[in-house]
C-alpha atoms as a PDB file:
ATOM      1  CA  MET A   1      96.014  10.779 206.993  1.00  0.00           C
ATOM      2  CA  ASP A   2      99.016  13.080 207.162  1.00  0.00           C
ATOM      3  CA  ASP A   3     100.058  11.594 210.494  1.00  0.00           C
ATOM      4  CA  SER A   4     100.366   8.113 209.009  1.00  0.00           C
ATOM      5  CA  TRP A   5     102.659   9.265 206.160  1.00  0.00           C
ATOM      6  CA  LYS A   6     104.704  11.742 208.164  1.00  0.00           C
ATOM      7  CA  ARG A   7     107.136   9.112 209.496  1.00  0.00           C
ATOM      8  CA  ALA A   8     108.193   8.010 206.001  1.00  0.00           C
ATOM      9  CA  TYR A   9     109.608  11.403 205.121  1.00  0.00           C
ATOM     10  CA  ARG A  10     111.367  12.034 208.440  1.00  0.00           C
ATOM     11  CA  GLY A  11     113.922   9.297 207.917  1.00  0.00           C
ATOM     12  CA  ASP A  12     112.188   6.446 209.690  1.00  0.00           C
ATOM     13  CA  SER A  13     114.560   3.462 209.659  1.00  0.00           C
ATOM     14  CA  GLY A  14     111.702   1.016 209.058  1.00  0.00           C
ATOM     15  CA  VAL A  15     110.850   2.565 205.679  1.00  0.00           C
ATOM     16  CA  PRO A  16     113.090   1.275 202.835  1.00  0.00           C
ATOM     17  CA  HIS A  17     113.121   4.446 200.748  1.00  0.00           C
ATOM     18  CA  SER A  18     114.221   6.710 203.611  1.00  0.00           C
ATOM     19  CA  ASP A  19     117.821   5.433 203.517  1.00  0.00           C
ATOM     20  CA  PRO A  20     119.586   5.907 200.150  1.00  0.00           C
ATOM     21  CA  GLN A  21     122.088   3.096 200.803  1.00  0.00           C
ATOM     22  CA  GLN A  22     119.301   0.648 201.632  1.00  0.00           C
ATOM     23  CA  LEU A  23     117.534   1.646 198.412  1.00  0.00           C
ATOM     24  CA  VAL A  24     120.698   0.896 196.405  1.00  0.00           C
ATOM     25  CA  ASN A  25     121.095  -2.457 198.155  1.00  0.00           C
ATOM     26  CA  THR A  26     117.463  -3.321 197.405  1.00  0.00           C
ATOM     27  CA  TRP A  27     117.977  -2.620 193.693  1.00  0.00           C
ATOM     28  CA  LYS A  28     121.226  -4.601 193.664  1.00  0.00           C
ATOM     29  CA  GLY A  29     119.456  -7.551 195.244  1.00  0.00           C
ATOM     30  CA  ALA A  30     116.557  -7.337 192.798  1.00  0.00           C
ATOM     31  CA  PHE A  31     118.969  -7.223 189.844  1.00  0.00           C
ATOM     32  CA  ALA A  32     120.991 -10.160 191.201  1.00  0.00           C
ATOM     33  CA  LEU A  33     117.852 -12.234 191.743  1.00  0.00           C
ATOM     34  CA  ALA A  34     116.562 -11.447 188.247  1.00  0.00           C
ATOM     35  CA  SER A  35     119.890 -12.327 186.616  1.00  0.00           C
ATOM     36  CA  VAL A  36     120.188 -15.625 188.513  1.00  0.00           C
ATOM     37  CA  ALA A  37     116.620 -16.556 187.572  1.00  0.00           C
ATOM     38  CA  TRP A  38     117.276 -15.682 183.926  1.00  0.00           C
ATOM     39  CA  LEU A  39     120.518 -17.686 183.801  1.00  0.00           C
ATOM     40  CA  GLN A  40     118.997 -20.671 185.584  1.00  0.00           C
ATOM     41  CA  THR A  41     116.109 -20.783 183.103  1.00  0.00           C
ATOM     42  CA  HIS A  42     118.376 -20.645 180.074  1.00  0.00           C
ATOM     43  CA  THR A  43     120.885 -23.169 181.394  1.00  0.00           C
ATOM     44  CA  SER A  44     118.149 -25.640 182.329  1.00  0.00           C
ATOM     45  CA  ASN A  45     116.648 -25.300 178.847  1.00  0.00           C
ATOM     46  CA  LEU A  46     120.091 -25.852 177.343  1.00  0.00           C
ATOM     47  CA  THR A  47     120.739 -28.979 179.416  1.00  0.00           C
ATOM     48  CA  LYS A  48     117.325 -30.365 178.468  1.00  0.00           C
ATOM     49  CA  PHE A  49     118.175 -29.740 174.820  1.00  0.00           C
ATOM     50  CA  LEU A  50     121.564 -31.449 175.086  1.00  0.00           C
ATOM     51  CA  GLN A  51     120.373 -34.526 176.981  1.00  0.00           C
ATOM     52  CA  PHE A  52     120.194 -37.758 175.033  1.00  0.00           C
ATOM     53  CA  ASN A  53     116.652 -39.056 174.888  1.00  0.00           C
ATOM     54  CA  TRP A  54     116.442 -42.822 174.319  1.00  0.00           C
ATOM     55  CA  SER A  55     112.748 -42.691 173.509  1.00  0.00           C
ATOM     56  CA  ASP A  56     113.275 -40.217 170.671  1.00  0.00           C
ATOM     57  CA  LYS A  57     116.178 -42.287 169.356  1.00  0.00           C
ATOM     58  CA  ALA A  58     114.051 -45.459 169.346  1.00  0.00           C
ATOM     59  CA  ILE A  59     111.226 -43.695 167.508  1.00  0.00           C
ATOM     60  CA  LYS A  60     113.680 -42.393 164.913  1.00  0.00           C
ATOM     61  CA  ILE A  61     115.155 -45.870 164.319  1.00  0.00           C
ATOM     62  CA  ASP A  62     111.668 -47.358 164.071  1.00  0.00           C
ATOM     63  CA  GLN A  63     110.645 -44.712 161.566  1.00  0.00           C
ATOM     64  CA  GLN A  64     113.726 -45.414 159.433  1.00  0.00           C
ATOM     65  CA  LYS A  65     112.969 -49.142 159.516  1.00  0.00           C
ATOM     66  CA  TRP A  66     109.365 -48.659 158.394  1.00  0.00           C
ATOM     67  CA  LYS A  67     110.459 -46.219 155.697  1.00  0.00           C
ATOM     68  CA  LYS A  68     112.824 -48.837 154.262  1.00  0.00           C
ATOM     69  CA  ILE A  69     110.047 -51.454 154.312  1.00  0.00           C
ATOM     70  CA  PHE A  70     107.650 -49.038 152.615  1.00  0.00           C
ATOM     71  CA  ASP A  71     110.213 -48.143 149.926  1.00  0.00           C
ATOM     72  CA  LYS A  72     110.934 -51.837 149.332  1.00  0.00           C
ATOM     73  CA  LYS A  73     107.201 -52.587 148.891  1.00  0.00           C
ATOM     74  CA  GLN A  74     106.803 -49.631 146.552  1.00  0.00           C
ATOM     75  CA  LYS A  75     109.733 -50.878 144.487  1.00  0.00           C
ATOM     76  CA  GLN A  76     108.255 -54.391 144.321  1.00  0.00           C
ATOM     77  CA  THR A  77     104.831 -53.135 143.247  1.00  0.00           C
ATOM     78  CA  THR A  78     106.324 -50.985 140.495  1.00  0.00           C
ATOM     79  CA  LEU A  79     108.448 -53.910 139.255  1.00  0.00           C
ATOM     80  CA  SER A  80     105.513 -56.300 139.301  1.00  0.00           C
ATOM     81  CA  SER A  81     103.214 -53.813 137.594  1.00  0.00           C
ATOM     82  CA  SER A  82     105.831 -53.082 134.912  1.00  0.00           C
ATOM     83  CA  ASN A  83     106.170 -56.824 134.249  1.00  0.00           C
ATOM     84  CA  ASN A  84     102.369 -57.185 133.836  1.00  0.00           C
ATOM     85  CA  ASP A  85     102.060 -54.255 131.414  1.00  0.00           C
ATOM     86  CA  GLY A  86     103.512 -56.100 128.446  1.00  0.00           C
ATOM     87  CA  PRO A  87     101.509 -58.331 126.156  1.00  0.00           C
ATOM     88  CA  THR A  88     100.886 -61.788 127.508  1.00  0.00           C
ATOM     89  CA  LYS A  89     100.909 -64.890 125.282  1.00  0.00           C
END
């Protein structure tokens, strides 16, 4: 077992942690990759948020239309019921 690990501590060029400069470059690359991934995720979420969605706009207009119709019917039923409450001759 010692023979298989001996090369790593003698400065073998194939082992990443044997060269201090290569270790620094590996960490720089990992940090750069993580920061690019983080920025890409947040910018894509932001662009999705800022995009205009026609389907949502149509649903909102339809909802406003039906709300107006509902309010108008409610107003008519209250007016007709208030007219029927009085004494009839």
